[in-house]
């Protein structure tokens, strides 16, 4: 799991570089840049989902009905700070539209997620901490 978190950190650095190098207008007009943005976000979100569900399973936090439940369980049992709850759930919620409704994705909205990359960093730090020992409720 640490390898996935390391990949998440690399993805965040690459997405930050992408943000510095390309503006919204350029991304809107260039399909390959849109693909780069989409894939970078999809992979990063999937890492969050995979690691969240892994911790839920490993720590016996409950049986999630969906990916969002994994994030909620991490908050409920103190593995994630409550301040990360809404941003993480928002990121998790972006997965299905990116995977299944890609034709209707608003590129401007997708580009705006580049302003929230610190959520991924905070998440990775919290999960690394969670792996170091059992935390209280």
C-alpha atoms as a PDB file:
ATOM      1  CA  UNK A   1       0.000   0.000   0.000  1.00  0.00           C
ATOM      2  CA  UNK A   2       2.909   2.364   0.628  1.00  0.00           C
ATOM      3  CA  UNK A   3       3.799   2.012  -3.059  1.00  0.00           C
ATOM      4  CA  UNK A   4       0.352   3.297  -4.000  1.00  0.00           C
ATOM      5  CA  UNK A   5       0.674   6.259  -1.644  1.00  0.00           C
ATOM      6  CA  UNK A   6       4.092   7.031  -3.144  1.00  0.00           C
ATOM      7  CA  UNK A   7       2.471   6.903  -6.593  1.00  0.00           C
ATOM      8  CA  UNK A   8      -0.225   9.281  -5.363  1.00  0.00           C
ATOM      9  CA  UNK A   9       2.463  11.735  -4.259  1.00  0.00           C
ATOM     10  CA  UNK A  10       4.160  11.463  -7.673  1.00  0.00           C
ATOM     11  CA  UNK A  11       0.815  12.029  -9.378  1.00  0.00           C
ATOM     12  CA  UNK A  12       0.173  15.152  -7.307  1.00  0.00           C
ATOM     13  CA  UNK A  13       3.587  16.539  -8.257  1.00  0.00           C
ATOM     14  CA  UNK A  14       2.902  15.793 -11.937  1.00  0.00           C
ATOM     15  CA  UNK A  15      -0.560  17.379 -11.773  1.00  0.00           C
ATOM     16  CA  UNK A  16       0.906  20.470 -10.117  1.00  0.00           C
ATOM     17  CA  UNK A  17       3.462  20.704 -12.902  1.00  0.00           C
ATOM     18  CA  UNK A  18       0.665  20.257 -15.448  1.00  0.00           C
ATOM     19  CA  UNK A  19      -1.220  23.140 -13.789  1.00  0.00           C
ATOM     20  CA  UNK A  20       1.852  25.408 -13.957  1.00  0.00           C
ATOM     21  CA  UNK A  21       2.544  24.529 -17.587  1.00  0.00           C
ATOM     22  CA  UNK A  22      -0.984  24.679 -19.035  1.00  0.00           C
ATOM     23  CA  UNK A  23      -3.827  27.116 -18.648  1.00  0.00           C
ATOM     24  CA  UNK A  24      -7.515  26.375 -18.757  1.00  0.00           C
ATOM     25  CA  UNK A  25      -7.926  27.687 -22.293  1.00  0.00           C
ATOM     26  CA  UNK A  26      -5.074  25.564 -23.632  1.00  0.00           C
ATOM     27  CA  UNK A  27      -6.480  22.451 -21.937  1.00  0.00           C
ATOM     28  CA  UNK A  28      -9.985  23.188 -23.236  1.00  0.00           C
ATOM     29  CA  UNK A  29      -8.664  23.325 -26.799  1.00  0.00           C
ATOM     30  CA  UNK A  30      -6.298  20.334 -26.685  1.00  0.00           C
ATOM     31  CA  UNK A  31      -7.699  16.819 -26.425  1.00  0.00           C
ATOM     32  CA  UNK A  32      -4.374  15.253 -25.429  1.00  0.00           C
ATOM     33  CA  UNK A  33      -4.076  17.663 -22.498  1.00  0.00           C
ATOM     34  CA  UNK A  34      -7.628  16.779 -21.473  1.00  0.00           C
ATOM     35  CA  UNK A  35      -6.682  13.096 -21.549  1.00  0.00           C
ATOM     36  CA  UNK A  36      -3.616  13.804 -19.432  1.00  0.00           C
ATOM     37  CA  UNK A  37      -5.692  15.693 -16.881  1.00  0.00           C
ATOM     38  CA  UNK A  38      -8.402  13.027 -16.795  1.00  0.00           C
ATOM     39  CA  UNK A  39      -6.027  10.121 -16.411  1.00  0.00           C
ATOM     40  CA  UNK A  40      -3.963  11.864 -13.739  1.00  0.00           C
ATOM     41  CA  UNK A  41      -7.099  12.513 -11.718  1.00  0.00           C
ATOM     42  CA  UNK A  42      -8.618   9.068 -12.351  1.00  0.00           C
ATOM     43  CA  UNK A  43      -5.489   7.270 -11.201  1.00  0.00           C
ATOM     44  CA  UNK A  44      -5.102   9.509  -8.153  1.00  0.00           C
ATOM     45  CA  UNK A  45      -8.741   9.036  -7.159  1.00  0.00           C
ATOM     46  CA  UNK A  46      -8.480   5.285  -7.672  1.00  0.00           C
ATOM     47  CA  UNK A  47      -5.462   5.177  -5.359  1.00  0.00           C
ATOM     48  CA  UNK A  48      -7.535   6.955  -2.698  1.00  0.00           C
ATOM     49  CA  UNK A  49     -10.358   4.460  -3.174  1.00  0.00           C
ATOM     50  CA  UNK A  50      -8.073   1.418  -3.142  1.00  0.00           C
ATOM     51  CA  UNK A  51      -6.159   2.491  -0.052  1.00  0.00           C
ATOM     52  CA  UNK A  52      -9.275   3.635   1.816  1.00  0.00           C
ATOM     53  CA  UNK A  53     -11.010   0.325   1.188  1.00  0.00           C
ATOM     54  CA  UNK A  54      -7.828  -1.550   2.119  1.00  0.00           C
ATOM     55  CA  UNK A  55      -7.599   0.216   5.485  1.00  0.00           C
ATOM     56  CA  UNK A  56     -11.318  -0.406   6.117  1.00  0.00           C
ATOM     57  CA  UNK A  57     -10.839  -4.092   5.411  1.00  0.00           C
ATOM     58  CA  UNK A  58      -7.538  -4.413   7.258  1.00  0.00           C
ATOM     59  CA  UNK A  59      -8.853  -2.646  10.378  1.00  0.00           C
ATOM     60  CA  UNK A  60     -12.337  -4.259  10.220  1.00  0.00           C
ATOM     61  CA  UNK A  61     -14.110  -0.911  10.141  1.00  0.00           C
ATOM     62  CA  UNK A  62     -17.272  -2.245   8.544  1.00  0.00           C
ATOM     63  CA  UNK A  63     -18.660  -3.352   5.229  1.00  0.00           C
ATOM     64  CA  UNK A  64     -18.848  -0.451   2.799  1.00  0.00           C
ATOM     65  CA  UNK A  65     -21.773  -0.359   0.381  1.00  0.00           C
ATOM     66  CA  UNK A  66     -19.868   1.935  -1.978  1.00  0.00           C
ATOM     67  CA  UNK A  67     -16.526   3.698  -2.327  1.00  0.00           C
ATOM     68  CA  UNK A  68     -17.736   6.736  -0.415  1.00  0.00           C
ATOM     69  CA  UNK A  69     -18.456   4.555   2.618  1.00  0.00           C
ATOM     70  CA  UNK A  70     -14.757   3.679   2.793  1.00  0.00           C
ATOM     71  CA  UNK A  71     -13.946   7.371   3.189  1.00  0.00           C
ATOM     72  CA  UNK A  72     -16.716   7.836   5.747  1.00  0.00           C
ATOM     73  CA  UNK A  73     -15.487   4.881   7.815  1.00  0.00           C
ATOM     74  CA  UNK A  74     -11.980   6.349   7.869  1.00  0.00           C
ATOM     75  CA  UNK A  75     -13.387   9.578   9.289  1.00  0.00           C
ATOM     76  CA  UNK A  76     -15.752   7.814  11.696  1.00  0.00           C
ATOM     77  CA  UNK A  77     -12.954   5.737  13.201  1.00  0.00           C
ATOM     78  CA  UNK A  78     -10.423   8.569  13.374  1.00  0.00           C
ATOM     79  CA  UNK A  79      -8.102   7.594  10.536  1.00  0.00           C
ATOM     80  CA  UNK A  80      -8.944  10.776   8.651  1.00  0.00           C
ATOM     81  CA  UNK A  81      -9.624  14.207  10.088  1.00  0.00           C
ATOM     82  CA  UNK A  82     -13.207  15.388   9.684  1.00  0.00           C
ATOM     83  CA  UNK A  83     -11.956  18.378   7.682  1.00  0.00           C
ATOM     84  CA  UNK A  84     -10.899  15.941   4.940  1.00  0.00           C
ATOM     85  CA  UNK A  85     -14.274  14.214   4.798  1.00  0.00           C
ATOM     86  CA  UNK A  86     -16.050  16.483   2.291  1.00  0.00           C
ATOM     87  CA  UNK A  87     -13.053  17.001  -0.036  1.00  0.00           C
ATOM     88  CA  UNK A  88     -12.210  13.283  -0.113  1.00  0.00           C
ATOM     89  CA  UNK A  89     -15.837  12.325  -0.723  1.00  0.00           C
ATOM     90  CA  UNK A  90     -15.971  14.907  -3.511  1.00  0.00           C
ATOM     91  CA  UNK A  91     -12.881  13.396  -5.124  1.00  0.00           C
ATOM     92  CA  UNK A  92     -14.255   9.856  -4.744  1.00  0.00           C
ATOM     93  CA  UNK A  93     -17.538  11.045  -6.257  1.00  0.00           C
ATOM     94  CA  UNK A  94     -15.677  12.310  -9.315  1.00  0.00           C
ATOM     95  CA  UNK A  95     -14.514   8.793 -10.218  1.00  0.00           C
ATOM     96  CA  UNK A  96     -17.722   7.470 -11.762  1.00  0.00           C
ATOM     97  CA  UNK A  97     -18.366  10.500 -13.995  1.00  0.00           C
ATOM     98  CA  UNK A  98     -14.741  10.354 -15.176  1.00  0.00           C
ATOM     99  CA  UNK A  99     -15.025   6.653 -15.959  1.00  0.00           C
ATOM    100  CA  UNK A 100     -18.604   6.381 -17.210  1.00  0.00           C
ATOM    101  CA  UNK A 101     -19.793   9.860 -18.226  1.00  0.00           C
ATOM    102  CA  UNK A 102     -16.597  11.169 -19.789  1.00  0.00           C
ATOM    103  CA  UNK A 103     -18.415  12.692 -22.747  1.00  0.00           C
ATOM    104  CA  UNK A 104     -20.316  15.118 -20.525  1.00  0.00           C
ATOM    105  CA  UNK A 105     -17.439  16.108 -18.211  1.00  0.00           C
ATOM    106  CA  UNK A 106     -17.023  19.871 -17.945  1.00  0.00           C
ATOM    107  CA  UNK A 107     -13.327  20.493 -18.597  1.00  0.00           C
ATOM    108  CA  UNK A 108     -13.406  23.761 -16.629  1.00  0.00           C
ATOM    109  CA  UNK A 109     -14.769  21.975 -13.568  1.00  0.00           C
ATOM    110  CA  UNK A 110     -12.223  19.203 -13.992  1.00  0.00           C
ATOM    111  CA  UNK A 111      -9.421  21.756 -14.296  1.00  0.00           C
ATOM    112  CA  UNK A 112     -10.627  23.397 -11.074  1.00  0.00           C
ATOM    113  CA  UNK A 113      -9.796  20.189  -9.178  1.00  0.00           C
ATOM    114  CA  UNK A 114      -6.140  21.069  -9.762  1.00  0.00           C
ATOM    115  CA  UNK A 115      -6.623  23.761  -7.105  1.00  0.00           C
ATOM    116  CA  UNK A 116      -7.457  21.044  -4.551  1.00  0.00           C
ATOM    117  CA  UNK A 117      -4.453  18.753  -4.900  1.00  0.00           C
ATOM    118  CA  UNK A 118      -3.437  19.308  -1.279  1.00  0.00           C
ATOM    119  CA  UNK A 119      -6.380  17.066  -0.372  1.00  0.00           C
ATOM    120  CA  UNK A 120      -4.473  14.142  -1.885  1.00  0.00           C
ATOM    121  CA  UNK A 121      -1.336  15.045   0.086  1.00  0.00           C
ATOM    122  CA  UNK A 122      -3.258  15.323   3.352  1.00  0.00           C
ATOM    123  CA  UNK A 123      -4.972  12.027   2.649  1.00  0.00           C
ATOM    124  CA  UNK A 124      -1.663  10.245   1.940  1.00  0.00           C
ATOM    125  CA  UNK A 125      -0.132  11.604   5.151  1.00  0.00           C
ATOM    126  CA  UNK A 126      -3.151  10.492   7.197  1.00  0.00           C
ATOM    127  CA  UNK A 127      -3.128   6.989   5.739  1.00  0.00           C
ATOM    128  CA  UNK A 128       0.619   6.638   6.297  1.00  0.00           C
ATOM    129  CA  UNK A 129      -0.006   7.617   9.904  1.00  0.00           C
ATOM    130  CA  UNK A 130      -2.868   5.105  10.132  1.00  0.00           C
ATOM    131  CA  UNK A 131      -0.580   2.357   8.903  1.00  0.00           C
ATOM    132  CA  UNK A 132       1.813   3.154  11.713  1.00  0.00           C
ATOM    133  CA  UNK A 133      -0.639   2.035  14.395  1.00  0.00           C
ATOM    134  CA  UNK A 134      -4.224   1.836  15.506  1.00  0.00           C
ATOM    135  CA  UNK A 135      -5.813   5.166  16.290  1.00  0.00           C
ATOM    136  CA  UNK A 136      -8.739   5.857  18.562  1.00  0.00           C
ATOM    137  CA  UNK A 137     -12.281   6.665  17.567  1.00  0.00           C
END
